[in-house]
Protein backbone atom coordinates (compact mmCIF):
# COMPACT_ATOMS: atom_id res chain seq x y z
CA MET A 1 -58.59 -104.00 33.53
CA ALA A 2 -62.24 -103.59 32.52
CA ARG A 3 -62.63 -101.59 29.34
CA LEU A 4 -64.38 -98.25 29.47
CA PRO A 5 -67.88 -98.06 27.97
CA ARG A 6 -67.88 -96.79 24.41
CA LEU A 7 -67.87 -93.00 24.37
CA VAL A 8 -70.93 -91.67 22.54
CA VAL A 9 -71.79 -87.99 22.86
CA PRO A 10 -75.11 -86.73 21.46
CA GLY A 11 -74.78 -83.98 18.92
CA GLN A 12 -71.09 -84.68 18.23
CA ALA A 13 -69.59 -86.27 15.11
CA HIS A 14 -68.35 -89.87 15.41
CA HIS A 15 -66.16 -91.98 13.14
CA VAL A 16 -67.17 -95.65 13.16
CA ILE A 17 -65.30 -98.72 11.91
CA GLN A 18 -66.88 -102.19 11.71
CA ARG A 19 -64.72 -105.08 10.46
CA GLY A 20 -65.48 -108.57 9.31
CA ASN A 21 -64.47 -111.37 11.65
CA ASP A 22 -60.92 -112.59 10.91
CA GLY A 23 -60.75 -110.27 7.91
CA GLN A 24 -63.43 -112.18 6.02
CA SER A 25 -65.55 -110.58 3.33
CA VAL A 26 -68.79 -109.06 4.54
CA PHE A 27 -69.91 -107.98 1.06
CA ARG A 28 -69.49 -110.38 -1.86
CA GLU A 29 -71.68 -109.05 -4.63
CA THR A 30 -73.73 -106.03 -5.66
CA ALA A 31 -76.92 -107.22 -3.95
CA ASP A 32 -75.12 -107.35 -0.58
CA TYR A 33 -74.01 -103.73 -0.80
CA LEU A 34 -77.48 -102.62 -1.87
CA LYS A 35 -79.16 -104.50 0.99
CA PHE A 36 -76.81 -103.01 3.55
CA ILE A 37 -77.25 -99.49 2.19
CA ASP A 38 -81.04 -99.83 2.43
CA TRP A 39 -80.81 -100.93 6.05
CA LEU A 40 -78.25 -98.23 6.81
CA ARG A 41 -80.63 -95.56 5.48
CA ASP A 42 -83.63 -96.96 7.37
CA SER A 43 -81.79 -97.43 10.66
CA GLY A 44 -80.33 -93.93 10.58
CA LYS A 45 -83.82 -92.48 10.35
CA LEU A 46 -85.26 -94.92 12.91
CA PHE A 47 -82.66 -94.20 15.58
CA LYS A 48 -82.05 -90.53 14.77
CA VAL A 49 -78.46 -90.91 13.64
CA ALA A 50 -77.43 -88.48 10.91
CA ILE A 51 -75.09 -90.22 8.44
CA HIS A 52 -72.71 -87.72 6.84
CA ALA A 53 -70.37 -90.10 4.97
CA TYR A 54 -69.82 -93.82 4.49
CA VAL A 55 -67.88 -96.40 2.56
CA LEU A 56 -68.56 -100.12 2.33
CA MET A 57 -65.36 -102.07 1.64
CA PRO A 58 -65.34 -105.83 0.95
CA THR A 59 -64.09 -106.65 4.47
CA HIS A 60 -65.14 -103.63 6.55
CA LEU A 61 -67.01 -100.34 6.61
CA HIS A 62 -66.57 -96.76 7.79
CA LEU A 63 -69.27 -94.30 8.86
CA LEU A 64 -69.23 -90.62 9.82
CA VAL A 65 -72.31 -89.94 11.92
CA THR A 66 -73.92 -87.66 14.48
CA PRO A 67 -76.29 -89.42 16.91
CA ALA A 68 -79.11 -87.47 18.55
CA ASP A 69 -78.83 -89.38 21.83
CA GLU A 70 -76.48 -91.71 23.71
CA GLN A 71 -78.23 -94.93 22.67
CA GLY A 72 -78.95 -94.23 19.01
CA LEU A 73 -75.61 -95.22 17.51
CA SER A 74 -75.41 -98.59 19.29
CA ARG A 75 -79.06 -99.32 18.54
CA MET A 76 -78.54 -98.48 14.88
CA MET A 77 -75.54 -100.80 14.56
CA GLN A 78 -77.34 -103.60 16.43
CA TRP A 79 -80.44 -103.20 14.26
CA ILE A 80 -78.40 -103.38 11.06
CA GLY A 81 -76.65 -106.51 12.38
CA ARG A 82 -79.92 -108.21 13.22
CA HIS A 83 -81.05 -107.72 9.64
CA TYR A 84 -77.85 -108.06 7.63
CA VAL A 85 -76.11 -110.98 9.37
CA PRO A 86 -79.05 -113.45 8.97
CA TYR A 87 -79.44 -112.31 5.36
CA PHE A 88 -75.73 -112.89 4.67
CA ASN A 89 -75.56 -116.23 6.52
CA LEU A 90 -78.63 -117.64 4.79
CA LYS A 91 -77.46 -116.50 1.37
CA TYR A 92 -73.97 -117.99 1.69
CA GLY A 93 -74.76 -121.06 3.77
CA ARG A 94 -72.82 -120.01 6.83
CA SER A 95 -73.58 -119.50 10.52
CA GLY A 96 -72.25 -117.56 13.47
CA THR A 97 -70.89 -114.09 13.85
CA LEU A 98 -69.98 -111.93 10.88
CA TRP A 99 -68.39 -108.97 12.66
CA GLN A 100 -65.12 -108.74 14.57
CA GLY A 101 -66.53 -107.91 17.99
CA ARG A 102 -68.01 -104.52 18.82
CA PHE A 103 -67.87 -101.71 16.33
CA LYS A 104 -65.15 -99.16 17.00
CA ALA A 105 -65.86 -95.45 17.33
CA THR A 106 -64.29 -92.13 18.22
CA VAL A 107 -65.82 -88.73 18.96
CA LEU A 108 -64.42 -86.08 16.63
CA ASP A 109 -63.75 -82.40 17.09
CA ALA A 110 -65.79 -81.48 14.02
CA GLU A 111 -64.16 -78.10 13.41
CA HIS A 112 -60.76 -79.76 13.13
CA TYR A 113 -61.49 -83.25 11.83
CA LEU A 114 -64.92 -83.66 10.24
CA MET A 115 -64.02 -82.80 6.66
CA THR A 116 -60.72 -84.66 7.04
CA CYS A 117 -62.61 -87.74 8.23
CA CYS A 118 -65.04 -87.44 5.33
CA ARG A 119 -62.10 -87.55 2.89
CA TYR A 120 -60.44 -90.34 4.89
CA ILE A 121 -63.58 -92.43 4.43
CA GLU A 122 -64.21 -91.73 0.76
CA LEU A 123 -60.55 -92.12 -0.20
CA ASN A 124 -60.35 -95.53 1.47
CA PRO A 125 -60.87 -97.45 -1.81
CA VAL A 126 -58.05 -95.41 -3.37
CA ARG A 127 -55.66 -96.12 -0.48
CA SER A 128 -56.58 -99.80 -0.78
CA GLY A 129 -55.68 -99.83 -4.49
CA MET A 130 -59.20 -100.76 -5.63
CA VAL A 131 -59.76 -97.66 -7.77
CA ALA A 132 -57.69 -94.78 -9.08
CA SER A 133 -60.21 -92.12 -8.06
CA PRO A 134 -62.87 -92.11 -5.30
CA GLU A 135 -65.72 -91.33 -7.69
CA ASN A 136 -65.04 -94.66 -9.42
CA TYR A 137 -66.06 -96.58 -6.29
CA PRO A 138 -69.86 -97.03 -6.17
CA TRP A 139 -70.31 -97.97 -2.50
CA SER A 140 -69.59 -94.70 -0.76
CA SER A 141 -71.03 -91.24 -0.22
CA CYS A 142 -68.48 -89.66 -2.60
CA LEU A 143 -70.85 -89.36 -5.57
CA HIS A 144 -73.29 -87.47 -3.35
CA HIS A 145 -70.70 -84.98 -2.16
CA ILE A 146 -69.35 -84.20 -5.62
CA GLY A 147 -72.84 -83.83 -7.11
CA VAL A 148 -73.03 -86.87 -9.38
CA LYS A 149 -76.15 -88.22 -7.69
CA ALA A 150 -78.14 -87.53 -4.53
CA ASP A 151 -77.82 -90.22 -1.86
CA PRO A 152 -80.83 -90.68 0.48
CA VAL A 153 -78.54 -92.18 3.13
CA VAL A 154 -76.61 -88.92 3.54
CA THR A 155 -77.46 -85.97 5.76
CA ASP A 156 -75.10 -83.12 4.91
CA HIS A 157 -73.22 -81.74 7.90
CA PRO A 158 -73.27 -77.94 8.38
CA LEU A 159 -69.51 -77.89 7.79
CA TYR A 160 -70.07 -79.33 4.31
CA TRP A 161 -72.54 -76.52 3.62
CA ARG A 162 -69.86 -74.01 4.62
CA LEU A 163 -67.87 -75.03 1.54
CA GLY A 164 -70.02 -72.85 -0.72
CA ASN A 165 -73.22 -70.85 -1.11
CA THR A 166 -74.71 -73.10 -3.80
CA PRO A 167 -74.75 -76.87 -4.32
CA PHE A 168 -72.41 -76.45 -7.29
CA ASP A 169 -69.94 -74.40 -5.22
CA ARG A 170 -69.94 -77.00 -2.45
CA GLU A 171 -69.49 -79.90 -4.85
CA VAL A 172 -66.58 -78.25 -6.65
CA ALA A 173 -64.93 -77.27 -3.37
CA TYR A 174 -65.29 -80.77 -1.96
CA LYS A 175 -63.93 -82.38 -5.11
CA GLY A 176 -60.91 -80.13 -4.74
CA LEU A 177 -60.41 -81.39 -1.19
CA LEU A 178 -60.53 -84.97 -2.41
CA GLU A 179 -58.00 -84.23 -5.11
CA ARG A 180 -55.62 -82.81 -2.49
CA GLY A 181 -55.88 -86.10 -0.61
CA ILE A 182 -55.13 -86.68 3.04
CA ASN A 183 -51.75 -86.88 4.73
CA GLU A 184 -50.50 -90.01 6.47
CA ALA A 185 -50.45 -88.33 9.89
CA ASP A 186 -54.20 -87.69 9.70
CA VAL A 187 -54.85 -91.23 8.45
CA ALA A 188 -52.89 -92.63 11.39
CA ALA A 189 -54.55 -90.32 13.93
CA LEU A 190 -58.08 -91.15 12.77
CA THR A 191 -57.40 -94.88 12.61
CA GLU A 192 -55.74 -95.08 16.03
CA ALA A 193 -58.31 -92.93 17.82
CA THR A 194 -61.20 -94.93 16.35
CA LEU A 195 -59.76 -98.36 17.07
CA LYS A 196 -58.84 -97.37 20.64
CA GLY A 197 -62.02 -95.43 21.34
CA TRP A 198 -60.40 -92.15 22.40
CA ALA A 199 -61.68 -88.71 21.41
CA LEU A 200 -59.83 -86.87 18.66
CA GLY A 201 -59.53 -83.10 18.77
CA SER A 202 -58.09 -80.10 20.50
CA THR A 203 -57.24 -79.94 24.20
CA ALA A 204 -60.22 -77.68 24.79
CA PHE A 205 -62.51 -80.11 22.95
CA ALA A 206 -61.28 -83.05 25.06
CA ALA A 207 -61.78 -81.07 28.26
CA MET A 208 -65.34 -80.20 27.23
CA LEU A 209 -66.11 -83.85 26.47
CA ALA A 210 -64.66 -84.97 29.79
CA ARG A 211 -66.87 -82.50 31.68
CA GLN A 212 -69.93 -83.45 29.66
CA SER A 213 -69.45 -87.22 29.91
CA GLN A 214 -67.92 -87.28 33.41
CA ARG A 215 -65.24 -89.72 32.29
CA ARG A 216 -61.77 -89.92 30.82
CA VAL A 217 -61.73 -89.32 27.06
CA LEU A 218 -57.97 -89.48 26.37
CA PRO A 219 -55.37 -92.15 27.22
CA VAL A 220 -53.29 -91.68 30.33
CA ARG A 221 -49.82 -90.41 29.50
CA ARG A 222 -47.10 -92.94 30.08
CA GLY A 223 -44.15 -92.34 32.36
CA ARG A 224 -43.72 -90.98 35.82
CA PRO A 225 -45.48 -87.76 36.77
CA ALA A 226 -43.28 -84.69 36.84
CA LYS A 227 -41.81 -83.82 40.23
CA PRO A 228 -43.26 -80.69 41.82
CA LYS A 229 -40.97 -77.69 41.71
CA ALA A 230 -39.36 -76.72 45.01
């Protein structure tokens, strides 16, 4: 069966995962992270993709973004690849692909999942056992959200601004959310939806996306259809 085109909906939040081919490292030293972050910032502006959160892990990356049009997200990821992959290959004497196929993405019901996804992303180094606290990991948007330093990559989502009336209020409120963590059910739901490319949100949100995109946005339920009542 031919796979459905990737679902990208302008003006909606998307969670993106891009993994290294065969689990290989895609960032090996500080300069690699810095190069990628520069290109991430530039490409977001170039293709009108607002980047709300990110984390660069040694073997993969996560983004939380809102594209302004249907093509912007794919063009941004392609543009970054055209710059970063040759840089990485030349530096480390390798050739060929760096990424494990196409990037994965899901459209999120922002009211229900945006702040959860933001925590999911920034807590990734903690879940992986790399650091004890997310603010100890330098290659994410966490330090921006808790007010340690401004990050030019990040465009704050309106839902982040709802956390408080002042920057200090928002930073304290968000740090509290991080400290509460994220439950395993939300981790599993975000991971599965992103890897499979299905929308994640309420029934009403999925119905709205289906009407807007004129396509299926959720997997077909397994099993036989229910028999009509007599």
